Amino acid sequence: MAAGLGAATTPVNTVVPVRRTTAPAAHARLAPRPDAEVEQSIKVRLAASKISRNHFQVHVQHGVATLEGKTDVLQHKGTATRLAKSAGATQVVNHIAVSQAAKDKAAKNLATGRRRAQIKRGETTARSEKRTIQ
C-alpha cells in the first residue's frame, strides 16, 4: 500500500524546480560600488541638503567614508553620517568637529526640558506667560 501512495504522487527521483523568492535586482545591491562612485554620490547628497553650507570634505576608501569639517549645529554631524550611509558607504568615520557654542546650546536645551515642538497646545511656559502679561 505504501508503494502505491508514493507512485500516485511524485516519483522519488523527480527533481522539483525551486522558485526564486527574491528578485534578481536584490542581489545586485550586494555588489560593492566603486569608491569614486560612492564618494560622488555622497557629495551630491550633501550638496542638495540644507547642511551644504558647511562644506564637509568626503573621502571614500574601500567603501569606508571619512567625513571632515566643522559645524555650528550639533544635528548636522548626524545628518552627514546618515546621508553618507544612504549614499552607499559601508561604514562612516565622522571627524566633523562641533563648535563649543553648539554644544553649549544643546546642553542648555536638555537642561530646560522639552523642546518647543514638544509642548502641547494649551500649555503655557514662562516665556508665553510673560508675553500675555505685557
Protein backbone atom coordinates (compact mmCIF):
# COMPACT_ATOMS: atom_id res chain seq x y z
CA MET A 1 0.00 0.00 0.00
CA ALA A 2 2.75 2.44 0.81
CA ALA A 3 4.33 1.88 -2.62
CA GLY A 4 1.03 2.74 -4.29
CA LEU A 5 0.78 6.07 -2.43
CA GLY A 6 4.28 7.11 -3.47
CA ALA A 7 3.65 6.24 -7.10
CA ALA A 8 0.42 8.22 -7.17
CA THR A 9 2.06 11.46 -6.00
CA THR A 10 5.58 12.38 -7.12
CA PRO A 11 8.17 9.82 -8.19
CA VAL A 12 11.16 9.62 -5.83
CA ASN A 13 13.80 10.56 -8.43
CA THR A 14 11.95 13.59 -9.85
CA VAL A 15 13.63 16.99 -9.36
CA VAL A 16 11.20 19.70 -8.36
CA PRO A 17 12.27 23.17 -9.62
CA VAL A 18 12.90 25.72 -6.87
CA ARG A 19 11.17 29.07 -7.23
CA ARG A 20 13.13 32.20 -6.58
CA THR A 21 11.74 34.14 -3.65
CA THR A 22 13.76 37.31 -4.21
CA ALA A 23 14.09 39.46 -7.27
CA PRO A 24 17.40 39.40 -9.15
CA ALA A 25 17.81 43.16 -8.51
CA ALA A 26 18.11 42.47 -4.78
CA HIS A 27 21.34 40.60 -5.37
CA ALA A 28 22.77 43.40 -7.50
CA ARG A 29 22.75 45.74 -4.47
CA LEU A 30 25.14 43.47 -2.64
CA ALA A 31 27.89 44.05 -5.18
CA PRO A 32 30.27 46.75 -3.92
CA ARG A 33 30.22 50.03 -5.82
CA PRO A 34 33.47 51.73 -6.82
CA ASP A 35 34.81 54.17 -4.22
CA ALA A 36 34.74 57.11 -6.65
CA GLU A 37 31.07 56.46 -7.40
CA VAL A 38 30.16 56.29 -3.69
CA GLU A 39 32.17 59.45 -2.96
CA GLN A 40 30.45 61.35 -5.78
CA SER A 41 27.05 60.14 -4.58
CA ILE A 42 27.78 61.37 -1.04
CA LYS A 43 28.94 64.77 -2.32
CA VAL A 44 25.78 65.15 -4.42
CA ARG A 45 23.55 64.31 -1.45
CA LEU A 46 25.43 66.71 0.85
CA ALA A 47 25.23 69.50 -1.77
CA ALA A 48 21.48 69.00 -2.17
CA SER A 49 20.81 69.09 1.59
CA LYS A 50 20.43 72.00 3.99
CA ILE A 51 23.85 71.21 5.51
CA SER A 52 25.66 72.06 2.26
CA ARG A 53 26.79 75.40 3.71
CA ASN A 54 29.20 73.55 6.00
CA HIS A 55 31.29 72.33 3.02
CA PHE A 56 32.26 69.00 4.55
CA GLN A 57 35.11 67.07 2.92
CA VAL A 58 34.40 63.46 1.92
CA HIS A 59 36.89 60.68 1.17
CA VAL A 60 35.95 57.07 0.44
CA GLN A 61 38.39 54.17 0.59
CA HIS A 62 37.31 50.51 0.40
CA GLY A 63 33.69 51.57 0.95
CA VAL A 64 34.50 53.46 4.18
CA ALA A 65 33.57 57.15 4.01
CA THR A 66 35.54 59.64 6.09
CA LEU A 67 33.81 62.96 6.78
CA GLU A 68 35.75 66.04 7.91
CA GLY A 69 34.84 69.63 8.60
CA LYS A 70 33.30 71.97 11.17
CA THR A 71 29.72 72.87 12.04
CA ASP A 72 27.83 75.19 14.37
CA VAL A 73 24.78 72.88 14.54
CA LEU A 74 25.05 69.65 16.51
CA GLN A 75 22.47 67.81 14.38
CA HIS A 76 24.44 68.36 11.16
CA LYS A 77 27.04 65.81 12.28
CA GLY A 78 24.45 63.03 12.50
CA THR A 79 22.74 64.13 9.30
CA ALA A 80 26.03 63.91 7.39
CA THR A 81 26.56 60.36 8.68
CA ARG A 82 23.07 59.28 7.63
CA LEU A 83 23.50 60.83 4.16
CA ALA A 84 26.80 59.02 3.66
CA LYS A 85 25.30 55.66 4.69
CA SER A 86 22.29 56.13 2.43
CA ALA A 87 24.59 57.04 -0.48
CA GLY A 88 26.27 53.63 -0.32
CA ALA A 89 29.09 53.83 2.23
CA THR A 90 29.56 50.56 4.09
CA GLN A 91 30.91 52.39 7.12
CA VAL A 92 31.28 56.07 8.09
CA VAL A 93 34.10 57.61 10.09
CA ASN A 94 32.84 61.02 11.20
CA HIS A 95 35.55 63.54 12.10
CA ILE A 96 33.23 66.57 11.91
CA ALA A 97 34.02 68.99 14.72
CA VAL A 98 31.09 70.62 16.51
CA SER A 99 31.66 74.15 17.84
CA GLN A 100 31.59 74.79 21.57
CA ALA A 101 28.67 77.21 21.09
CA ALA A 102 26.60 74.41 19.52
CA LYS A 103 27.49 72.05 22.37
CA ASP A 104 26.52 74.68 24.95
CA LYS A 105 23.22 75.35 23.20
CA ALA A 106 22.38 71.63 23.10
CA ALA A 107 23.25 71.25 26.79
CA LYS A 108 21.06 74.23 27.68
CA ASN A 109 18.14 72.77 25.69
CA LEU A 110 18.50 69.46 27.51
CA ALA A 111 18.59 71.20 30.88
CA THR A 112 15.40 73.17 30.25
CA GLY A 113 13.42 70.04 29.43
CA ARG A 114 11.09 69.64 26.50
CA ARG A 115 11.73 71.49 23.29
CA ARG A 116 9.24 73.98 21.91
CA ALA A 117 7.95 71.46 19.36
CA GLN A 118 7.14 69.04 22.17
CA ILE A 119 4.95 71.44 24.15
CA LYS A 120 1.25 70.70 23.75
CA ARG A 121 -1.28 73.35 22.84
CA GLY A 122 -2.85 74.95 25.85
CA GLU A 123 0.25 74.51 28.00
CA THR A 124 1.94 77.72 28.98
CA THR A 125 5.61 78.33 29.55
CA ALA A 126 7.33 81.15 31.36
CA ARG A 127 8.07 82.74 28.01
CA SER A 128 4.45 82.67 26.81
CA GLU A 129 3.12 83.85 30.19
CA LYS A 130 5.43 86.84 30.07
CA ARG A 131 4.11 87.74 26.61
CA THR A 132 0.44 87.66 27.73
CA ILE A 133 1.07 89.80 30.84
CA GLN A 134 2.64 92.70 28.96
